Amino acid sequence: AITVGTEGSGLAATRSLAALGSVVRPLAAAD
């Protein structure tokens, strides 16, 4: 909701989730 801002479409939400995924996905990697 914060990162979508005024672009309240499903594609904007998908983009925001992809951005979040780029941060949390590496957590699954070995230390």
PDB file of all heavy atoms in Angstrom:
ATOM      1  N   ALA A   1       0.824  -1.207   0.000  1.00  0.00           N
ATOM      2  CA  ALA A   1       0.000   0.000   0.000  1.00  0.00           C
ATOM      3  C   ALA A   1       0.860   1.260   0.000  1.00  0.00           C
ATOM      4  O   ALA A   1       0.543   2.245  -0.666  1.00  0.00           O
ATOM      5  CB  ALA A   1      -0.931  -0.010   1.214  1.00  0.00           C
ATOM      6  N   ILE A   2       1.963   1.226   0.725  1.00  0.00           N
ATOM      7  CA  ILE A   2       2.857   2.384   0.786  1.00  0.00           C
ATOM      8  C   ILE A   2       3.543   2.615  -0.551  1.00  0.00           C
ATOM      9  O   ILE A   2       3.607   3.734  -1.064  1.00  0.00           O
ATOM     10  CB  ILE A   2       3.919   2.199   1.892  1.00  0.00           C
ATOM     11  CG1 ILE A   2       3.266   2.260   3.274  1.00  0.00           C
ATOM     12  CG2 ILE A   2       5.016   3.257   1.785  1.00  0.00           C
ATOM     13  CD1 ILE A   2       4.192   1.858   4.405  1.00  0.00           C
ATOM     14  N   THR A   3       4.047   1.552  -1.160  1.00  0.00           N
ATOM     15  CA  THR A   3       4.864   1.705  -2.365  1.00  0.00           C
ATOM     16  C   THR A   3       4.036   1.812  -3.638  1.00  0.00           C
ATOM     17  O   THR A   3       4.519   2.343  -4.649  1.00  0.00           O
ATOM     18  CB  THR A   3       5.865   0.542  -2.489  1.00  0.00           C
ATOM     19  OG1 THR A   3       5.159  -0.707  -2.377  1.00  0.00           O
ATOM     20  CG2 THR A   3       6.914   0.616  -1.400  1.00  0.00           C
ATOM     21  N   VAL A   4       2.810   1.337  -3.618  1.00  0.00           N
ATOM     22  CA  VAL A   4       1.935   1.496  -4.783  1.00  0.00           C
ATOM     23  C   VAL A   4       1.541   2.953  -4.945  1.00  0.00           C
ATOM     24  O   VAL A   4       1.477   3.483  -6.045  1.00  0.00           O
ATOM     25  CB  VAL A   4       0.690   0.606  -4.656  1.00  0.00           C
ATOM     26  CG1 VAL A   4      -0.414   1.073  -5.588  1.00  0.00           C
ATOM     27  CG2 VAL A   4       1.039  -0.844  -4.962  1.00  0.00           C
ATOM     28  N   GLY A   5       1.290   3.621  -3.844  1.00  0.00           N
ATOM     29  CA  GLY A   5       0.913   5.026  -3.898  1.00  0.00           C
ATOM     30  C   GLY A   5      -0.398   5.225  -4.631  1.00  0.00           C
ATOM     31  O   GLY A   5      -1.388   4.551  -4.357  1.00  0.00           O
ATOM     32  N   THR A   6      -0.404   6.129  -5.594  1.00  0.00           N
ATOM     33  CA  THR A   6      -1.631   6.446  -6.319  1.00  0.00           C
ATOM     34  C   THR A   6      -1.904   5.475  -7.463  1.00  0.00           C
ATOM     35  O   THR A   6      -2.965   5.523  -8.075  1.00  0.00           O
ATOM     36  CB  THR A   6      -1.555   7.874  -6.896  1.00  0.00           C
ATOM     37  OG1 THR A   6      -0.413   7.973  -7.748  1.00  0.00           O
ATOM     38  CG2 THR A   6      -1.444   8.893  -5.776  1.00  0.00           C
ATOM     39  N   GLU A   7      -0.934   4.603  -7.757  1.00  0.00           N
ATOM     40  CA  GLU A   7      -1.121   3.634  -8.844  1.00  0.00           C
ATOM     41  C   GLU A   7      -1.768   2.365  -8.284  1.00  0.00           C
ATOM     42  O   GLU A   7      -1.125   1.344  -8.107  1.00  0.00           O
ATOM     43  CB  GLU A   7       0.214   3.300  -9.500  1.00  0.00           C
ATOM     44  CG  GLU A   7       0.873   4.501 -10.177  1.00  0.00           C
ATOM     45  CD  GLU A   7       2.200   4.122 -10.781  1.00  0.00           C
ATOM     46  OE1 GLU A   7       3.133   3.851 -10.012  1.00  0.00           O
ATOM     47  OE2 GLU A   7       2.310   4.100 -12.012  1.00  0.00           O
ATOM     48  N   GLY A   8      -3.036   2.447  -8.005  1.00  0.00           N
ATOM     49  CA  GLY A   8      -3.703   1.360  -7.292  1.00  0.00           C
ATOM     50  C   GLY A   8      -4.149   0.217  -8.167  1.00  0.00           C
ATOM     51  O   GLY A   8      -5.257  -0.287  -8.006  1.00  0.00           O
ATOM     52  N   SER A   9      -3.342  -0.208  -9.109  1.00  0.00           N
ATOM     53  CA  SER A   9      -3.705  -1.314  -9.980  1.00  0.00           C
ATOM     54  C   SER A   9      -3.063  -2.607  -9.493  1.00  0.00           C
ATOM     55  O   SER A   9      -2.133  -2.600  -8.679  1.00  0.00           O
ATOM     56  CB  SER A   9      -3.248  -1.033 -11.412  1.00  0.00           C
ATOM     57  OG  SER A   9      -1.835  -1.082 -11.494  1.00  0.00           O
ATOM     58  N   GLY A  10      -3.565  -3.716 -10.047  1.00  0.00           N
ATOM     59  CA  GLY A  10      -2.971  -4.995  -9.710  1.00  0.00           C
ATOM     60  C   GLY A  10      -1.533  -5.103 -10.164  1.00  0.00           C
ATOM     61  O   GLY A  10      -0.695  -5.717  -9.499  1.00  0.00           O
ATOM     62  N   LEU A  11      -1.216  -4.494 -11.299  1.00  0.00           N
ATOM     63  CA  LEU A  11       0.160  -4.529 -11.786  1.00  0.00           C
ATOM     64  C   LEU A  11       1.088  -3.741 -10.871  1.00  0.00           C
ATOM     65  O   LEU A  11       2.235  -4.138 -10.649  1.00  0.00           O
ATOM     66  CB  LEU A  11       0.232  -3.973 -13.208  1.00  0.00           C
ATOM     67  CG  LEU A  11      -0.340  -4.870 -14.306  1.00  0.00           C
ATOM     68  CD1 LEU A  11      -0.330  -4.143 -15.646  1.00  0.00           C
ATOM     69  CD2 LEU A  11       0.445  -6.177 -14.398  1.00  0.00           C
ATOM     70  N   ALA A  12       0.599  -2.625 -10.332  1.00  0.00           N
ATOM     71  CA  ALA A  12       1.424  -1.844  -9.402  1.00  0.00           C
ATOM     72  C   ALA A  12       1.686  -2.644  -8.134  1.00  0.00           C
ATOM     73  O   ALA A  12       2.784  -2.620  -7.580  1.00  0.00           O
ATOM     74  CB  ALA A  12       0.734  -0.523  -9.073  1.00  0.00           C
ATOM     75  N   ALA A  13       0.669  -3.370  -7.670  1.00  0.00           N
ATOM     76  CA  ALA A  13       0.858  -4.214  -6.486  1.00  0.00           C
ATOM     77  C   ALA A  13       1.836  -5.338  -6.772  1.00  0.00           C
ATOM     78  O   ALA A  13       2.680  -5.679  -5.930  1.00  0.00           O
ATOM     79  CB  ALA A  13      -0.490  -4.778  -6.037  1.00  0.00           C
ATOM     80  N   THR A  14       1.749  -5.902  -7.969  1.00  0.00           N
ATOM     81  CA  THR A  14       2.695  -6.961  -8.357  1.00  0.00           C
ATOM     82  C   THR A  14       4.115  -6.436  -8.364  1.00  0.00           C
ATOM     83  O   THR A  14       5.052  -7.101  -7.895  1.00  0.00           O
ATOM     84  CB  THR A  14       2.332  -7.503  -9.754  1.00  0.00           C
ATOM     85  OG1 THR A  14       1.009  -8.045  -9.718  1.00  0.00           O
ATOM     86  CG2 THR A  14       3.309  -8.588 -10.192  1.00  0.00           C
ATOM     87  N   ARG A  15       4.294  -5.229  -8.894  1.00  0.00           N
ATOM     88  CA  ARG A  15       5.620  -4.618  -8.914  1.00  0.00           C
ATOM     89  C   ARG A  15       6.149  -4.419  -7.500  1.00  0.00           C
ATOM     90  O   ARG A  15       7.324  -4.675  -7.211  1.00  0.00           O
ATOM     91  CB  ARG A  15       5.551  -3.285  -9.659  1.00  0.00           C
ATOM     92  CG  ARG A  15       6.884  -2.574  -9.800  1.00  0.00           C
ATOM     93  CD  ARG A  15       6.738  -1.280 -10.588  1.00  0.00           C
ATOM     94  NE  ARG A  15       5.825  -0.355  -9.924  1.00  0.00           N
ATOM     95  CZ  ARG A  15       5.415   0.794 -10.477  1.00  0.00           C
ATOM     96  NH1 ARG A  15       5.812   1.128 -11.682  1.00  0.00           N
ATOM     97  NH2 ARG A  15       4.597   1.578  -9.817  1.00  0.00           N
ATOM     98  N   SER A  16       5.299  -3.958  -6.575  1.00  0.00           N
ATOM     99  CA  SER A  16       5.723  -3.747  -5.195  1.00  0.00           C
ATOM    100  C   SER A  16       6.118  -5.055  -4.522  1.00  0.00           C
ATOM    101  O   SER A  16       7.101  -5.118  -3.788  1.00  0.00           O
ATOM    102  CB  SER A  16       4.601  -3.069  -4.396  1.00  0.00           C
ATOM    103  OG  SER A  16       4.395  -1.748  -4.838  1.00  0.00           O
ATOM    104  N   LEU A  17       5.349  -6.113  -4.775  1.00  0.00           N
ATOM    105  CA  LEU A  17       5.682  -7.414  -4.203  1.00  0.00           C
ATOM    106  C   LEU A  17       6.989  -7.955  -4.790  1.00  0.00           C
ATOM    107  O   LEU A  17       7.772  -8.599  -4.083  1.00  0.00           O
ATOM    108  CB  LEU A  17       4.544  -8.408  -4.448  1.00  0.00           C
ATOM    109  CG  LEU A  17       3.294  -8.185  -3.595  1.00  0.00           C
ATOM    110  CD1 LEU A  17       2.146  -9.069  -4.081  1.00  0.00           C
ATOM    111  CD2 LEU A  17       3.582  -8.460  -2.114  1.00  0.00           C
ATOM    112  N   ALA A  18       7.227  -7.682  -6.071  1.00  0.00           N
ATOM    113  CA  ALA A  18       8.500  -8.095  -6.689  1.00  0.00           C
ATOM    114  C   ALA A  18       9.671  -7.359  -6.049  1.00  0.00           C
ATOM    115  O   ALA A  18      10.738  -7.943  -5.822  1.00  0.00           O
ATOM    116  CB  ALA A  18       8.457  -7.832  -8.193  1.00  0.00           C
ATOM    117  N   ALA A  19       9.465  -6.070  -5.742  1.00  0.00           N
ATOM    118  CA  ALA A  19      10.517  -5.302  -5.067  1.00  0.00           C
ATOM    119  C   ALA A  19      10.797  -5.879  -3.683  1.00  0.00           C
ATOM    120  O   ALA A  19      11.961  -6.045  -3.282  1.00  0.00           O
ATOM    121  CB  ALA A  19      10.111  -3.840  -4.958  1.00  0.00           C
ATOM    122  N   LEU A  20       9.731  -6.200  -2.957  1.00  0.00           N
ATOM    123  CA  LEU A  20       9.907  -6.797  -1.631  1.00  0.00           C
ATOM    124  C   LEU A  20      10.592  -8.157  -1.742  1.00  0.00           C
ATOM    125  O   LEU A  20      11.463  -8.499  -0.931  1.00  0.00           O
ATOM    126  CB  LEU A  20       8.551  -6.932  -0.950  1.00  0.00           C
ATOM    127  CG  LEU A  20       8.542  -7.484   0.474  1.00  0.00           C
ATOM    128  CD1 LEU A  20       9.369  -6.606   1.410  1.00  0.00           C
ATOM    129  CD2 LEU A  20       7.112  -7.616   0.993  1.00  0.00           C
ATOM    130  N   GLY A  21      10.222  -8.914  -2.760  1.00  0.00           N
ATOM    131  CA  GLY A  21      10.841 -10.224  -2.962  1.00  0.00           C
ATOM    132  C   GLY A  21      12.328 -10.137  -3.223  1.00  0.00           C
ATOM    133  O   GLY A  21      13.093 -11.019  -2.815  1.00  0.00           O
ATOM    134  N   SER A  22      12.765  -9.064  -3.892  1.00  0.00           N
ATOM    135  CA  SER A  22      14.196  -8.916  -4.168  1.00  0.00           C
ATOM    136  C   SER A  22      14.990  -8.696  -2.885  1.00  0.00           C
ATOM    137  O   SER A  22      16.196  -8.927  -2.851  1.00  0.00           O
ATOM    138  CB  SER A  22      14.439  -7.760  -5.139  1.00  0.00           C
ATOM    139  OG  SER A  22      14.171  -6.507  -4.526  1.00  0.00           O
ATOM    140  N   VAL A  23      14.295  -8.273  -1.834  1.00  0.00           N
ATOM    141  CA  VAL A  23      14.953  -8.084  -0.534  1.00  0.00           C
ATOM    142  C   VAL A  23      14.921  -9.367   0.284  1.00  0.00           C
ATOM    143  O   VAL A  23      15.931  -9.783   0.861  1.00  0.00           O
ATOM    144  CB  VAL A  23      14.285  -6.941   0.250  1.00  0.00           C
ATOM    145  CG1 VAL A  23      14.848  -6.856   1.676  1.00  0.00           C
ATOM    146  CG2 VAL A  23      14.470  -5.614  -0.472  1.00  0.00           C
ATOM    147  N   VAL A  24      13.762 -10.026   0.350  1.00  0.00           N
ATOM    148  CA  VAL A  24      13.614 -11.161   1.267  1.00  0.00           C
ATOM    149  C   VAL A  24      14.037 -12.493   0.657  1.00  0.00           C
ATOM    150  O   VAL A  24      14.402 -13.415   1.394  1.00  0.00           O
ATOM    151  CB  VAL A  24      12.167 -11.257   1.801  1.00  0.00           C
ATOM    152  CG1 VAL A  24      11.780  -9.991   2.539  1.00  0.00           C
ATOM    153  CG2 VAL A  24      11.176 -11.553   0.687  1.00  0.00           C
ATOM    154  N   ARG A  25      14.001 -12.617  -0.676  1.00  0.00           N
ATOM    155  CA  ARG A  25      14.357 -13.906  -1.273  1.00  0.00           C
ATOM    156  C   ARG A  25      15.785 -14.334  -0.943  1.00  0.00           C
ATOM    157  O   ARG A  25      16.023 -15.523  -0.672  1.00  0.00           O
ATOM    158  CB  ARG A  25      14.150 -13.854  -2.796  1.00  0.00           C
ATOM    159  CG  ARG A  25      14.440 -15.183  -3.501  1.00  0.00           C
ATOM    160  CD  ARG A  25      13.505 -16.280  -3.011  1.00  0.00           C
ATOM    161  NE  ARG A  25      13.789 -17.573  -3.616  1.00  0.00           N
ATOM    162  CZ  ARG A  25      14.701 -18.432  -3.173  1.00  0.00           C
ATOM    163  NH1 ARG A  25      15.447 -18.102  -2.117  1.00  0.00           N
ATOM    164  NH2 ARG A  25      14.874 -19.594  -3.756  1.00  0.00           N
ATOM    165  N   PRO A  26      16.778 -13.429  -0.934  1.00  0.00           N
ATOM    166  CA  PRO A  26      18.140 -13.857  -0.571  1.00  0.00           C
ATOM    167  C   PRO A  26      18.257 -14.410   0.849  1.00  0.00           C
ATOM    168  O   PRO A  26      19.267 -15.045   1.175  1.00  0.00           O
ATOM    169  CB  PRO A  26      18.963 -12.571  -0.733  1.00  0.00           C
ATOM    170  CG  PRO A  26      18.215 -11.781  -1.752  1.00  0.00           C
ATOM    171  CD  PRO A  26      16.774 -12.043  -1.444  1.00  0.00           C
ATOM    172  N   LEU A  27      17.247 -14.184   1.695  1.00  0.00           N
ATOM    173  CA  LEU A  27      17.296 -14.739   3.043  1.00  0.00           C
ATOM    174  C   LEU A  27      17.333 -16.264   3.031  1.00  0.00           C
ATOM    175  O   LEU A  27      17.804 -16.889   3.982  1.00  0.00           O
ATOM    176  CB  LEU A  27      16.073 -14.280   3.853  1.00  0.00           C
ATOM    177  CG  LEU A  27      16.026 -12.805   4.248  1.00  0.00           C
ATOM    178  CD1 LEU A  27      14.636 -12.432   4.736  1.00  0.00           C
ATOM    179  CD2 LEU A  27      17.056 -12.502   5.319  1.00  0.00           C
ATOM    180  N   ALA A  28      16.823 -16.847   1.947  1.00  0.00           N
ATOM    181  CA  ALA A  28      16.805 -18.304   1.860  1.00  0.00           C
ATOM    182  C   ALA A  28      18.170 -18.886   1.539  1.00  0.00           C
ATOM    183  O   ALA A  28      18.391 -20.089   1.679  1.00  0.00           O
ATOM    184  CB  ALA A  28      15.796 -18.753   0.803  1.00  0.00           C
ATOM    185  N   ALA A  29      19.094 -18.032   1.116  1.00  0.00           N
ATOM    186  CA  ALA A  29      20.426 -18.508   0.740  1.00  0.00           C
ATOM    187  C   ALA A  29      21.250 -18.836   1.981  1.00  0.00           C
ATOM    188  O   ALA A  29      20.974 -18.356   3.090  1.00  0.00           O
ATOM    189  CB  ALA A  29      21.145 -17.451  -0.092  1.00  0.00           C
ATOM    190  N   ALA A  30      22.261 -19.649   1.782  1.00  0.00           N
ATOM    191  CA  ALA A  30      23.168 -19.979   2.886  1.00  0.00           C
ATOM    192  C   ALA A  30      23.884 -18.718   3.357  1.00  0.00           C
ATOM    193  O   ALA A  30      24.133 -17.795   2.579  1.00  0.00           O
ATOM    194  CB  ALA A  30      24.187 -21.013   2.423  1.00  0.00           C
ATOM    195  N   ASP A  31      24.206 -18.683   4.634  1.00  0.00           N
ATOM    196  CA  ASP A  31      24.846 -17.500   5.218  1.00  0.00           C
ATOM    197  C   ASP A  31      26.160 -17.159   4.527  1.00  0.00           C
ATOM    198  O   ASP A  31      26.522 -15.984   4.427  1.00  0.00           O
ATOM    199  CB  ASP A  31      25.094 -17.720   6.715  1.00  0.00           C
ATOM    200  CG  ASP A  31      23.798 -17.714   7.514  1.00  0.00           C
ATOM    201  OD1 ASP A  31      22.754 -17.351   6.942  1.00  0.00           O
ATOM    202  OD2 ASP A  31      23.842 -18.075   8.710  1.00  0.00           O
TER     203      ASP A  31
END
